[in-house]
Amino acid sequence: MTRRRVLVTGASKGIGRALAEQLAGEGHTLVGIARSAPQSFPGEFHEADLADVRPPIRSWAK
């Protein structure tokens, strides 16, 4: 199976979190986005409100 980097929105709870857990279990690399950060996440996580139109405080670029 091909391992992929997957972006999951709404990743802190509910369907998004369940999907993240399933994909992580299959060996995929996860990037999660949600309005609130979970205590733990099986990959890279960014707290963000995608409906917020204000400019970001910091750059996500690394």
C-alpha atoms as a PDB file:
ATOM      1  CA  MET A   1       0.000   0.000   0.000  1.00  0.00           C
ATOM      2  CA  THR A   2       1.189   3.530  -0.751  1.00  0.00           C
ATOM      3  CA  ARG A   3       1.715   5.648   2.364  1.00  0.00           C
ATOM      4  CA  ARG A   4       0.383   9.174   1.982  1.00  0.00           C
ATOM      5  CA  ARG A   5       0.429  12.504   3.824  1.00  0.00           C
ATOM      6  CA  VAL A   6      -3.211  13.266   4.631  1.00  0.00           C
ATOM      7  CA  LEU A   7      -4.760  16.582   5.742  1.00  0.00           C
ATOM      8  CA  VAL A   8      -7.713  16.047   8.097  1.00  0.00           C
ATOM      9  CA  THR A   9      -9.952  18.995   8.997  1.00  0.00           C
ATOM     10  CA  GLY A  10     -12.007  18.843  12.176  1.00  0.00           C
ATOM     11  CA  ALA A  11      -9.332  16.482  13.453  1.00  0.00           C
ATOM     12  CA  SER A  12      -9.673  17.096  17.201  1.00  0.00           C
ATOM     13  CA  LYS A  13     -12.932  15.188  17.747  1.00  0.00           C
ATOM     14  CA  GLY A  14     -15.829  13.334  16.169  1.00  0.00           C
ATOM     15  CA  ILE A  15     -15.626  12.011  12.629  1.00  0.00           C
ATOM     16  CA  GLY A  16     -12.389  13.872  11.861  1.00  0.00           C
ATOM     17  CA  ARG A  17     -10.641  12.357  14.890  1.00  0.00           C
ATOM     18  CA  ALA A  18     -11.955   8.860  14.108  1.00  0.00           C
ATOM     19  CA  LEU A  19     -10.705   9.205  10.530  1.00  0.00           C
ATOM     20  CA  ALA A  20      -7.296  10.401  11.768  1.00  0.00           C
ATOM     21  CA  GLU A  21      -6.978   7.386  14.086  1.00  0.00           C
ATOM     22  CA  GLN A  22      -7.915   4.991  11.274  1.00  0.00           C
ATOM     23  CA  LEU A  23      -5.487   6.548   8.781  1.00  0.00           C
ATOM     24  CA  ALA A  24      -2.668   6.584  11.351  1.00  0.00           C
ATOM     25  CA  GLY A  25      -3.319   2.911  12.021  1.00  0.00           C
ATOM     26  CA  GLU A  26      -2.888   2.259   8.298  1.00  0.00           C
ATOM     27  CA  GLY A  27       0.527   3.963   8.389  1.00  0.00           C
ATOM     28  CA  HIS A  28      -0.286   7.301   6.759  1.00  0.00           C
ATOM     29  CA  THR A  29       1.346  10.572   7.863  1.00  0.00           C
ATOM     30  CA  LEU A  30      -1.246  12.967   9.262  1.00  0.00           C
ATOM     31  CA  VAL A  31      -1.621  16.721   9.391  1.00  0.00           C
ATOM     32  CA  GLY A  32      -4.640  17.730  11.457  1.00  0.00           C
ATOM     33  CA  ILE A  33      -6.450  21.070  11.645  1.00  0.00           C
ATOM     34  CA  ALA A  34      -9.217  22.074  14.061  1.00  0.00           C
ATOM     35  CA  ARG A  35     -10.378  25.062  16.095  1.00  0.00           C
ATOM     36  CA  SER A  36      -9.220  23.458  19.337  1.00  0.00           C
ATOM     37  CA  ALA A  37      -6.178  21.283  19.940  1.00  0.00           C
ATOM     38  CA  PRO A  38      -6.670  17.775  21.321  1.00  0.00           C
ATOM     39  CA  GLN A  39      -4.520  16.527  24.210  1.00  0.00           C
ATOM     40  CA  SER A  40      -2.826  14.130  21.803  1.00  0.00           C
ATOM     41  CA  PHE A  41      -2.862  13.589  18.042  1.00  0.00           C
ATOM     42  CA  PRO A  42      -1.258  10.877  15.899  1.00  0.00           C
ATOM     43  CA  GLY A  43       0.644  13.332  13.713  1.00  0.00           C
ATOM     44  CA  GLU A  44       1.323  17.014  13.134  1.00  0.00           C
ATOM     45  CA  PHE A  45      -1.474  19.280  14.421  1.00  0.00           C
ATOM     46  CA  HIS A  46      -2.333  22.946  13.813  1.00  0.00           C
ATOM     47  CA  GLU A  47      -4.961  24.818  15.796  1.00  0.00           C
ATOM     48  CA  ALA A  48      -6.800  27.118  13.375  1.00  0.00           C
ATOM     49  CA  ASP A  49     -10.266  28.432  12.650  1.00  0.00           C
ATOM     50  CA  LEU A  50     -10.641  28.207   8.879  1.00  0.00           C
ATOM     51  CA  ALA A  51     -13.607  30.614   9.004  1.00  0.00           C
ATOM     52  CA  ASP A  52     -11.440  33.340  10.617  1.00  0.00           C
ATOM     53  CA  VAL A  53     -10.555  35.871   7.913  1.00  0.00           C
ATOM     54  CA  ARG A  54      -7.960  37.776   9.994  1.00  0.00           C
ATOM     55  CA  PRO A  55      -4.335  37.352   8.870  1.00  0.00           C
ATOM     56  CA  PRO A  56      -2.414  34.661  10.751  1.00  0.00           C
ATOM     57  CA  ILE A  57      -0.284  35.705  13.709  1.00  0.00           C
ATOM     58  CA  ARG A  58       2.587  33.446  12.705  1.00  0.00           C
ATOM     59  CA  SER A  59       3.608  31.723   9.522  1.00  0.00           C
ATOM     60  CA  TRP A  60       3.143  27.972   9.171  1.00  0.00           C
ATOM     61  CA  ALA A  61       6.199  27.852   6.938  1.00  0.00           C
ATOM     62  CA  LYS A  62       9.132  26.031   8.440  1.00  0.00           C
END
